[in-house]
Amino acid sequence: MNKGELVDAVAKETGQTKADAERALNAVLGNISKGVKKDPVQLVGFGTFKIVKTKARKGINPQTKEAIKIPSKKVLKFKASANPKY
């Protein structure tokens, strides 16, 4: 399911227009994005979004077989709830 299909599904289920459903979805996603920068965002019955820092590591360029350094970075992780309610 892509964002357009999700907007259509929300609009149909709530009886809103597609424009209203898209604004609501954008508000939810925007607030998750803002919130996860400070603390993990936990949606009970759905899952938890959090930012984790990966460690720097060594890798191999598959074309040249040359060793390369992969720097550490921050990535968004999602862990689904053990007992999803939705």
C-alpha atoms as a PDB file:
ATOM      1  CA  MET A   1       0.000   0.000   0.000  1.00  0.00           C
ATOM      2  CA  ASN A   2       1.379   3.405  -0.911  1.00  0.00           C
ATOM      3  CA  LYS A   3       0.486   6.806   0.531  1.00  0.00           C
ATOM      4  CA  GLY A   4      -2.226   7.498  -2.054  1.00  0.00           C
ATOM      5  CA  GLU A   5      -3.930   4.195  -1.324  1.00  0.00           C
ATOM      6  CA  LEU A   6      -3.697   4.876   2.407  1.00  0.00           C
ATOM      7  CA  VAL A   7      -5.297   8.308   1.943  1.00  0.00           C
ATOM      8  CA  ASP A   8      -8.130   6.688  -0.054  1.00  0.00           C
ATOM      9  CA  ALA A   9      -8.672   4.053   2.651  1.00  0.00           C
ATOM     10  CA  VAL A  10      -8.733   6.656   5.455  1.00  0.00           C
ATOM     11  CA  ALA A  11     -11.136   8.855   3.500  1.00  0.00           C
ATOM     12  CA  LYS A  12     -13.475   5.937   2.843  1.00  0.00           C
ATOM     13  CA  GLU A  13     -13.413   4.645   6.432  1.00  0.00           C
ATOM     14  CA  THR A  14     -13.892   8.044   8.093  1.00  0.00           C
ATOM     15  CA  GLY A  15     -16.254   9.585   5.547  1.00  0.00           C
ATOM     16  CA  GLN A  16     -13.883  12.526   4.997  1.00  0.00           C
ATOM     17  CA  THR A  17     -12.841  13.978   1.679  1.00  0.00           C
ATOM     18  CA  LYS A  18      -9.529  12.805   0.251  1.00  0.00           C
ATOM     19  CA  ALA A  19      -8.046  16.267   0.895  1.00  0.00           C
ATOM     20  CA  ASP A  20      -9.044  16.136   4.577  1.00  0.00           C
ATOM     21  CA  ALA A  21      -7.753  12.576   4.924  1.00  0.00           C
ATOM     22  CA  GLU A  22      -4.436  13.563   3.325  1.00  0.00           C
ATOM     23  CA  ARG A  23      -4.054  16.539   5.692  1.00  0.00           C
ATOM     24  CA  ALA A  24      -4.763  14.257   8.659  1.00  0.00           C
ATOM     25  CA  LEU A  25      -2.261  11.645   7.465  1.00  0.00           C
ATOM     26  CA  ASN A  26       0.389  14.312   6.827  1.00  0.00           C
ATOM     27  CA  ALA A  27      -0.204  15.698  10.338  1.00  0.00           C
ATOM     28  CA  VAL A  28       0.260  12.260  11.906  1.00  0.00           C
ATOM     29  CA  LEU A  29       3.406  11.478   9.915  1.00  0.00           C
ATOM     30  CA  GLY A  30       4.843  14.940  10.549  1.00  0.00           C
ATOM     31  CA  ASN A  31       4.323  14.660  14.282  1.00  0.00           C
ATOM     32  CA  ILE A  32       5.887  11.192  14.355  1.00  0.00           C
ATOM     33  CA  SER A  33       8.908  12.615  12.485  1.00  0.00           C
ATOM     34  CA  LYS A  34       9.241  15.532  14.919  1.00  0.00           C
ATOM     35  CA  GLY A  35       8.684  13.386  18.000  1.00  0.00           C
ATOM     36  CA  VAL A  36      11.141  10.634  17.106  1.00  0.00           C
ATOM     37  CA  LYS A  37      13.963  13.196  16.953  1.00  0.00           C
ATOM     38  CA  LYS A  38      13.566  13.720  20.715  1.00  0.00           C
ATOM     39  CA  ASP A  39      12.309  10.391  22.089  1.00  0.00           C
ATOM     40  CA  PRO A  40      10.992   7.088  20.765  1.00  0.00           C
ATOM     41  CA  VAL A  41       7.385   7.289  19.553  1.00  0.00           C
ATOM     42  CA  GLN A  42       5.342   4.389  20.918  1.00  0.00           C
ATOM     43  CA  LEU A  43       1.912   3.662  19.479  1.00  0.00           C
ATOM     44  CA  VAL A  44       0.347   1.037  21.745  1.00  0.00           C
ATOM     45  CA  GLY A  45      -0.969  -1.893  19.739  1.00  0.00           C
ATOM     46  CA  PHE A  46       0.933  -0.822  16.613  1.00  0.00           C
ATOM     47  CA  GLY A  47       4.656  -0.400  17.278  1.00  0.00           C
ATOM     48  CA  THR A  48       7.548   1.869  18.233  1.00  0.00           C
ATOM     49  CA  PHE A  49       9.600   4.242  16.094  1.00  0.00           C
ATOM     50  CA  LYS A  50      13.072   5.206  17.323  1.00  0.00           C
ATOM     51  CA  ILE A  51      16.369   6.522  16.010  1.00  0.00           C
ATOM     52  CA  VAL A  52      19.450   4.385  16.600  1.00  0.00           C
ATOM     53  CA  LYS A  53      23.071   5.069  15.743  1.00  0.00           C
ATOM     54  CA  THR A  54      24.833   2.346  13.770  1.00  0.00           C
ATOM     55  CA  LYS A  55      28.491   1.567  14.371  1.00  0.00           C
ATOM     56  CA  ALA A  56      31.200   2.313  11.844  1.00  0.00           C
ATOM     57  CA  ARG A  57      32.278  -0.852  10.081  1.00  0.00           C
ATOM     58  CA  LYS A  58      34.391  -2.214   7.256  1.00  0.00           C
ATOM     59  CA  GLY A  59      32.836  -3.313   3.995  1.00  0.00           C
ATOM     60  CA  ILE A  60      33.905  -4.516   0.566  1.00  0.00           C
ATOM     61  CA  ASN A  61      33.215  -2.802  -2.748  1.00  0.00           C
ATOM     62  CA  PRO A  62      31.640  -5.636  -4.761  1.00  0.00           C
ATOM     63  CA  GLN A  63      32.989  -4.358  -8.095  1.00  0.00           C
ATOM     64  CA  THR A  64      36.622  -3.843  -7.107  1.00  0.00           C
ATOM     65  CA  LYS A  65      36.781  -6.135  -4.037  1.00  0.00           C
ATOM     66  CA  GLU A  66      38.510  -3.241  -2.284  1.00  0.00           C
ATOM     67  CA  ALA A  67      38.002  -2.750   1.453  1.00  0.00           C
ATOM     68  CA  ILE A  68      36.076   0.405   2.363  1.00  0.00           C
ATOM     69  CA  LYS A  69      35.121   2.129   5.605  1.00  0.00           C
ATOM     70  CA  ILE A  70      31.402   2.597   6.221  1.00  0.00           C
ATOM     71  CA  PRO A  71      30.841   5.479   8.665  1.00  0.00           C
ATOM     72  CA  SER A  72      28.381   5.380  11.538  1.00  0.00           C
ATOM     73  CA  LYS A  73      25.007   7.009  10.954  1.00  0.00           C
ATOM     74  CA  LYS A  74      21.595   7.503  12.515  1.00  0.00           C
ATOM     75  CA  VAL A  75      18.762   5.382  11.129  1.00  0.00           C
ATOM     76  CA  LEU A  76      15.065   5.119  11.915  1.00  0.00           C
ATOM     77  CA  LYS A  77      13.979   1.750  13.287  1.00  0.00           C
ATOM     78  CA  PHE A  78      10.440   0.418  13.656  1.00  0.00           C
ATOM     79  CA  LYS A  79       9.551  -2.446  15.942  1.00  0.00           C
ATOM     80  CA  ALA A  80       6.050  -3.861  15.518  1.00  0.00           C
ATOM     81  CA  SER A  81       3.945  -4.506  18.579  1.00  0.00           C
ATOM     82  CA  ALA A  82       3.920  -8.085  19.816  1.00  0.00           C
ATOM     83  CA  ASN A  83       0.112  -8.050  19.949  1.00  0.00           C
ATOM     84  CA  PRO A  84      -1.117  -5.743  17.189  1.00  0.00           C
ATOM     85  CA  LYS A  85      -4.598  -4.353  17.764  1.00  0.00           C
ATOM     86  CA  TYR A  86      -5.054  -2.844  14.305  1.00  0.00           C
END
